[in-house]
Amino acid sequence: MGLKKSHKRITIEELRKFEGLENITDEEAEENIIALEKLSVIMFELWKQDQAVKSKKKAQ
């Protein structure tokens, strides 16, 4: 049995809690949230690649 990981999307209200983002519009907040999700995916994929390289080096 595998564990299912749930991913939580930041809300507009949560985003507005960050300094400098208190007064952004809903549209700007949504654009920022989408950008953060894309960045998160990129960073996670890079991390996975790095882990695979480290595993291969350890196995050698």
N, C-alpha and C. Protein backbone atom coordinates (compact mmCIF):
# COMPACT_ATOMS: atom_id res chain seq x y z
N MET A 1 0.82 -1.18 0.00
CA MET A 1 0.00 0.00 0.00
C MET A 1 0.86 1.24 0.00
N GLY A 2 0.67 2.09 -0.99
CA GLY A 2 1.43 3.33 -1.04
C GLY A 2 0.68 4.46 -0.36
N LEU A 3 1.42 5.36 0.17
CA LEU A 3 0.81 6.53 0.78
C LEU A 3 0.51 7.56 -0.29
N LYS A 4 -0.67 8.13 -0.21
CA LYS A 4 -1.03 9.17 -1.17
C LYS A 4 -0.71 10.52 -0.54
N LYS A 5 0.09 11.29 -1.24
CA LYS A 5 0.44 12.62 -0.75
C LYS A 5 -0.57 13.61 -1.29
N SER A 6 -1.02 14.48 -0.41
CA SER A 6 -1.94 15.51 -0.87
C SER A 6 -1.17 16.82 -0.97
N HIS A 7 -1.50 17.56 -1.97
CA HIS A 7 -0.84 18.84 -2.21
C HIS A 7 -1.86 19.95 -2.00
N LYS A 8 -1.48 20.91 -1.20
CA LYS A 8 -2.38 22.00 -0.88
C LYS A 8 -1.97 23.23 -1.68
N ARG A 9 -2.93 23.83 -2.32
CA ARG A 9 -2.69 25.05 -3.10
C ARG A 9 -2.87 26.25 -2.17
N ILE A 10 -1.94 27.19 -2.22
CA ILE A 10 -2.06 28.38 -1.39
C ILE A 10 -3.29 29.17 -1.85
N THR A 11 -3.98 29.74 -0.90
CA THR A 11 -5.17 30.51 -1.23
C THR A 11 -4.80 31.98 -1.44
N ILE A 12 -5.71 32.72 -2.03
CA ILE A 12 -5.50 34.15 -2.23
C ILE A 12 -5.32 34.83 -0.86
N GLU A 13 -6.11 34.44 0.11
CA GLU A 13 -6.02 35.02 1.44
C GLU A 13 -4.66 34.74 2.08
N GLU A 14 -4.15 33.51 1.91
CA GLU A 14 -2.83 33.17 2.45
C GLU A 14 -1.73 33.96 1.75
N LEU A 15 -1.85 34.12 0.45
CA LEU A 15 -0.85 34.87 -0.31
C LEU A 15 -0.80 36.33 0.15
N ARG A 16 -1.96 36.89 0.44
CA ARG A 16 -2.03 38.29 0.87
C ARG A 16 -1.43 38.51 2.26
N LYS A 17 -1.14 37.47 2.99
CA LYS A 17 -0.52 37.62 4.30
C LYS A 17 0.96 37.97 4.20
N PHE A 18 1.55 37.78 3.01
CA PHE A 18 2.96 38.09 2.83
C PHE A 18 3.15 39.59 2.63
N GLU A 19 4.20 40.10 3.26
CA GLU A 19 4.51 41.52 3.17
C GLU A 19 4.66 41.94 1.70
N GLY A 20 3.98 43.03 1.36
CA GLY A 20 4.03 43.56 0.01
C GLY A 20 2.94 43.02 -0.90
N LEU A 21 2.23 41.99 -0.46
CA LEU A 21 1.17 41.39 -1.28
C LEU A 21 -0.22 41.62 -0.70
N GLU A 22 -0.29 42.44 0.32
CA GLU A 22 -1.55 42.64 1.03
C GLU A 22 -2.66 43.22 0.14
N ASN A 23 -2.29 44.02 -0.83
CA ASN A 23 -3.30 44.75 -1.61
C ASN A 23 -3.39 44.32 -3.07
N ILE A 24 -2.87 43.14 -3.40
CA ILE A 24 -2.97 42.71 -4.79
C ILE A 24 -4.41 42.30 -5.10
N THR A 25 -4.76 42.42 -6.36
CA THR A 25 -6.11 42.05 -6.77
C THR A 25 -6.24 40.53 -6.81
N ASP A 26 -7.46 40.05 -6.88
CA ASP A 26 -7.69 38.60 -7.00
C ASP A 26 -7.00 38.06 -8.25
N GLU A 27 -7.08 38.80 -9.34
CA GLU A 27 -6.46 38.36 -10.60
C GLU A 27 -4.94 38.28 -10.45
N GLU A 28 -4.34 39.28 -9.84
CA GLU A 28 -2.89 39.26 -9.63
C GLU A 28 -2.50 38.11 -8.70
N ALA A 29 -3.31 37.89 -7.68
CA ALA A 29 -3.03 36.80 -6.75
C ALA A 29 -3.09 35.46 -7.47
N GLU A 30 -4.09 35.26 -8.29
CA GLU A 30 -4.22 34.00 -9.04
C GLU A 30 -3.03 33.79 -9.96
N GLU A 31 -2.59 34.85 -10.63
CA GLU A 31 -1.41 34.76 -11.51
C GLU A 31 -0.17 34.37 -10.70
N ASN A 32 -0.03 34.97 -9.52
CA ASN A 32 1.10 34.65 -8.67
C ASN A 32 1.05 33.22 -8.17
N ILE A 33 -0.13 32.75 -7.83
CA ILE A 33 -0.29 31.38 -7.35
C ILE A 33 0.09 30.39 -8.46
N ILE A 34 -0.35 30.65 -9.67
CA ILE A 34 -0.01 29.79 -10.80
C ILE A 34 1.50 29.78 -11.02
N ALA A 35 2.12 30.95 -10.94
CA ALA A 35 3.58 31.04 -11.11
C ALA A 35 4.30 30.26 -10.02
N LEU A 36 3.82 30.35 -8.79
CA LEU A 36 4.43 29.61 -7.69
C LEU A 36 4.28 28.10 -7.89
N GLU A 37 3.14 27.67 -8.38
CA GLU A 37 2.94 26.24 -8.65
C GLU A 37 3.91 25.75 -9.72
N LYS A 38 4.06 26.53 -10.77
CA LYS A 38 5.00 26.15 -11.84
C LYS A 38 6.42 26.09 -11.32
N LEU A 39 6.81 27.09 -10.53
CA LEU A 39 8.15 27.10 -9.95
C LEU A 39 8.35 25.90 -9.04
N SER A 40 7.35 25.57 -8.26
CA SER A 40 7.44 24.42 -7.36
C SER A 40 7.66 23.12 -8.13
N VAL A 41 6.96 22.96 -9.22
CA VAL A 41 7.12 21.75 -10.05
C VAL A 41 8.54 21.69 -10.61
N ILE A 42 9.03 22.80 -11.11
CA ILE A 42 10.39 22.85 -11.67
C ILE A 42 11.41 22.49 -10.60
N MET A 43 11.28 23.12 -9.44
CA MET A 43 12.24 22.86 -8.35
C MET A 43 12.18 21.40 -7.90
N PHE A 44 10.97 20.83 -7.82
CA PHE A 44 10.84 19.44 -7.42
C PHE A 44 11.47 18.51 -8.45
N GLU A 45 11.27 18.78 -9.73
CA GLU A 45 11.86 17.94 -10.78
C GLU A 45 13.38 18.02 -10.74
N LEU A 46 13.93 19.21 -10.51
CA LEU A 46 15.38 19.35 -10.40
C LEU A 46 15.90 18.60 -9.19
N TRP A 47 15.18 18.66 -8.08
CA TRP A 47 15.59 17.94 -6.89
C TRP A 47 15.59 16.43 -7.15
N LYS A 48 14.54 15.93 -7.82
CA LYS A 48 14.48 14.50 -8.13
C LYS A 48 15.66 14.08 -9.01
N GLN A 49 16.00 14.89 -10.00
CA GLN A 49 17.13 14.58 -10.86
C GLN A 49 18.42 14.54 -10.05
N ASP A 50 18.59 15.50 -9.14
CA ASP A 50 19.77 15.55 -8.30
C ASP A 50 19.86 14.31 -7.42
N GLN A 51 18.74 13.89 -6.87
CA GLN A 51 18.72 12.70 -6.02
C GLN A 51 19.08 11.45 -6.83
N ALA A 52 18.62 11.39 -8.07
CA ALA A 52 18.93 10.23 -8.92
C ALA A 52 20.43 10.19 -9.23
N VAL A 53 21.02 11.34 -9.49
CA VAL A 53 22.45 11.41 -9.77
C VAL A 53 23.26 10.98 -8.54
N LYS A 54 22.83 11.48 -7.37
CA LYS A 54 23.53 11.11 -6.14
C LYS A 54 23.41 9.62 -5.86
N SER A 55 22.27 9.03 -6.13
CA SER A 55 22.08 7.59 -5.93
C SER A 55 22.97 6.78 -6.85
N LYS A 56 23.08 7.22 -8.10
CA LYS A 56 23.93 6.51 -9.06
C LYS A 56 25.41 6.58 -8.63
N LYS A 57 25.82 7.75 -8.13
CA LYS A 57 27.21 7.90 -7.69
C LYS A 57 27.51 7.02 -6.48
N LYS A 58 26.54 6.90 -5.58
CA LYS A 58 26.72 6.05 -4.41
C LYS A 58 26.82 4.58 -4.80
N ALA A 59 26.08 4.19 -5.83
CA ALA A 59 26.04 2.80 -6.26
C ALA A 59 27.32 2.39 -6.97
N GLN A 60 28.08 3.34 -7.44
CA GLN A 60 29.29 3.01 -8.20
C GLN A 60 30.44 2.62 -7.32
